[in-house]
Amino acid sequence: MRAVVFVTKQTSKGTERSPQEYVDPLLVLTGETYARLTFEELHRHLCDTLRNDGDHRHPSD
């Protein structure tokens, strides 16, 4: 499974490594983690990250 990346309109795209890579995504999850999360858990992770001024978090498995 691929990674799931959440971004905002202000998230820059394109790095030296890859033009398709986001510079500073809001939240990054493995495909496996994303598949296991309920909507409520995903919503909580996104809200927590936004409340922490974009403190980019990678929820543990």
C-alpha atoms as a PDB file:
ATOM      1  CA  MET A   1       0.000   0.000   0.000  1.00  0.00           C
ATOM      2  CA  ARG A   2       1.094   3.535  -0.639  1.00  0.00           C
ATOM      3  CA  ALA A   3       1.313   6.427   1.759  1.00  0.00           C
ATOM      4  CA  VAL A   4      -1.613   8.771   2.294  1.00  0.00           C
ATOM      5  CA  VAL A   5      -0.622  12.440   2.446  1.00  0.00           C
ATOM      6  CA  PHE A   6      -2.870  15.255   3.657  1.00  0.00           C
ATOM      7  CA  VAL A   7      -2.043  18.775   2.525  1.00  0.00           C
ATOM      8  CA  THR A   8      -3.532  22.262   2.588  1.00  0.00           C
ATOM      9  CA  LYS A   9      -3.760  24.798  -0.230  1.00  0.00           C
ATOM     10  CA  GLN A  10      -0.603  26.404   1.143  1.00  0.00           C
ATOM     11  CA  THR A  11       1.456  23.195   1.071  1.00  0.00           C
ATOM     12  CA  SER A  12       4.367  23.547  -1.333  1.00  0.00           C
ATOM     13  CA  LYS A  13       4.926  20.808  -3.870  1.00  0.00           C
ATOM     14  CA  GLY A  14       8.219  19.840  -5.412  1.00  0.00           C
ATOM     15  CA  THR A  15      11.504  18.974  -3.769  1.00  0.00           C
ATOM     16  CA  GLU A  16      15.005  18.401  -5.096  1.00  0.00           C
ATOM     17  CA  ARG A  17      14.308  14.690  -4.887  1.00  0.00           C
ATOM     18  CA  SER A  18      10.920  14.689  -6.633  1.00  0.00           C
ATOM     19  CA  PRO A  19       8.590  17.228  -8.247  1.00  0.00           C
ATOM     20  CA  GLN A  20       5.640  15.172  -6.967  1.00  0.00           C
ATOM     21  CA  GLU A  21       6.744  15.226  -3.330  1.00  0.00           C
ATOM     22  CA  TYR A  22       5.198  17.700  -0.873  1.00  0.00           C
ATOM     23  CA  VAL A  23       7.679  19.830   1.041  1.00  0.00           C
ATOM     24  CA  ASP A  24       5.795  20.067   4.332  1.00  0.00           C
ATOM     25  CA  PRO A  25       2.602  17.958   4.345  1.00  0.00           C
ATOM     26  CA  LEU A  26       0.057  18.332   7.109  1.00  0.00           C
ATOM     27  CA  LEU A  27      -0.197  14.630   7.916  1.00  0.00           C
ATOM     28  CA  VAL A  28       1.384  11.498   6.454  1.00  0.00           C
ATOM     29  CA  LEU A  29       0.087   7.978   7.060  1.00  0.00           C
ATOM     30  CA  THR A  30       1.173   4.624   5.748  1.00  0.00           C
ATOM     31  CA  GLY A  31      -1.449   2.939   3.615  1.00  0.00           C
ATOM     32  CA  GLU A  32      -1.764   0.238   6.258  1.00  0.00           C
ATOM     33  CA  THR A  33      -2.377   2.758   9.053  1.00  0.00           C
ATOM     34  CA  TYR A  34      -4.888   4.679   6.924  1.00  0.00           C
ATOM     35  CA  ALA A  35      -6.810   1.484   6.156  1.00  0.00           C
ATOM     36  CA  ARG A  36      -7.082   0.636   9.865  1.00  0.00           C
ATOM     37  CA  LEU A  37      -8.233   4.062  11.072  1.00  0.00           C
ATOM     38  CA  THR A  38     -11.882   4.778  11.637  1.00  0.00           C
ATOM     39  CA  PHE A  39     -13.205   8.070  10.317  1.00  0.00           C
ATOM     40  CA  GLU A  40     -13.369   9.379  13.887  1.00  0.00           C
ATOM     41  CA  GLU A  41      -9.692   8.538  14.500  1.00  0.00           C
ATOM     42  CA  LEU A  42      -8.637  10.134  11.226  1.00  0.00           C
ATOM     43  CA  HIS A  43     -10.680  13.239  12.029  1.00  0.00           C
ATOM     44  CA  ARG A  44      -9.068  13.452  15.468  1.00  0.00           C
ATOM     45  CA  HIS A  45      -5.542  13.163  13.997  1.00  0.00           C
ATOM     46  CA  LEU A  46      -6.247  15.907  11.466  1.00  0.00           C
ATOM     47  CA  CYS A  47      -7.849  18.214  14.038  1.00  0.00           C
ATOM     48  CA  ASP A  48      -5.007  17.647  16.520  1.00  0.00           C
ATOM     49  CA  THR A  49      -2.458  18.478  13.854  1.00  0.00           C
ATOM     50  CA  LEU A  50      -4.310  21.634  12.824  1.00  0.00           C
ATOM     51  CA  ARG A  51      -4.680  22.724  16.467  1.00  0.00           C
ATOM     52  CA  ASN A  52      -0.934  22.331  16.929  1.00  0.00           C
ATOM     53  CA  ASP A  53      -0.302  24.797  14.080  1.00  0.00           C
ATOM     54  CA  GLY A  54       0.650  22.071  11.667  1.00  0.00           C
ATOM     55  CA  ASP A  55       2.906  20.166  14.028  1.00  0.00           C
ATOM     56  CA  HIS A  56       3.361  17.400  11.496  1.00  0.00           C
ATOM     57  CA  ARG A  57       2.551  14.126  13.082  1.00  0.00           C
ATOM     58  CA  HIS A  58       2.872  10.579  11.943  1.00  0.00           C
ATOM     59  CA  PRO A  59       0.451   8.549  14.039  1.00  0.00           C
ATOM     60  CA  SER A  60       1.957   5.363  15.339  1.00  0.00           C
ATOM     61  CA  ASP A  61       0.583   2.042  14.237  1.00  0.00           C
END
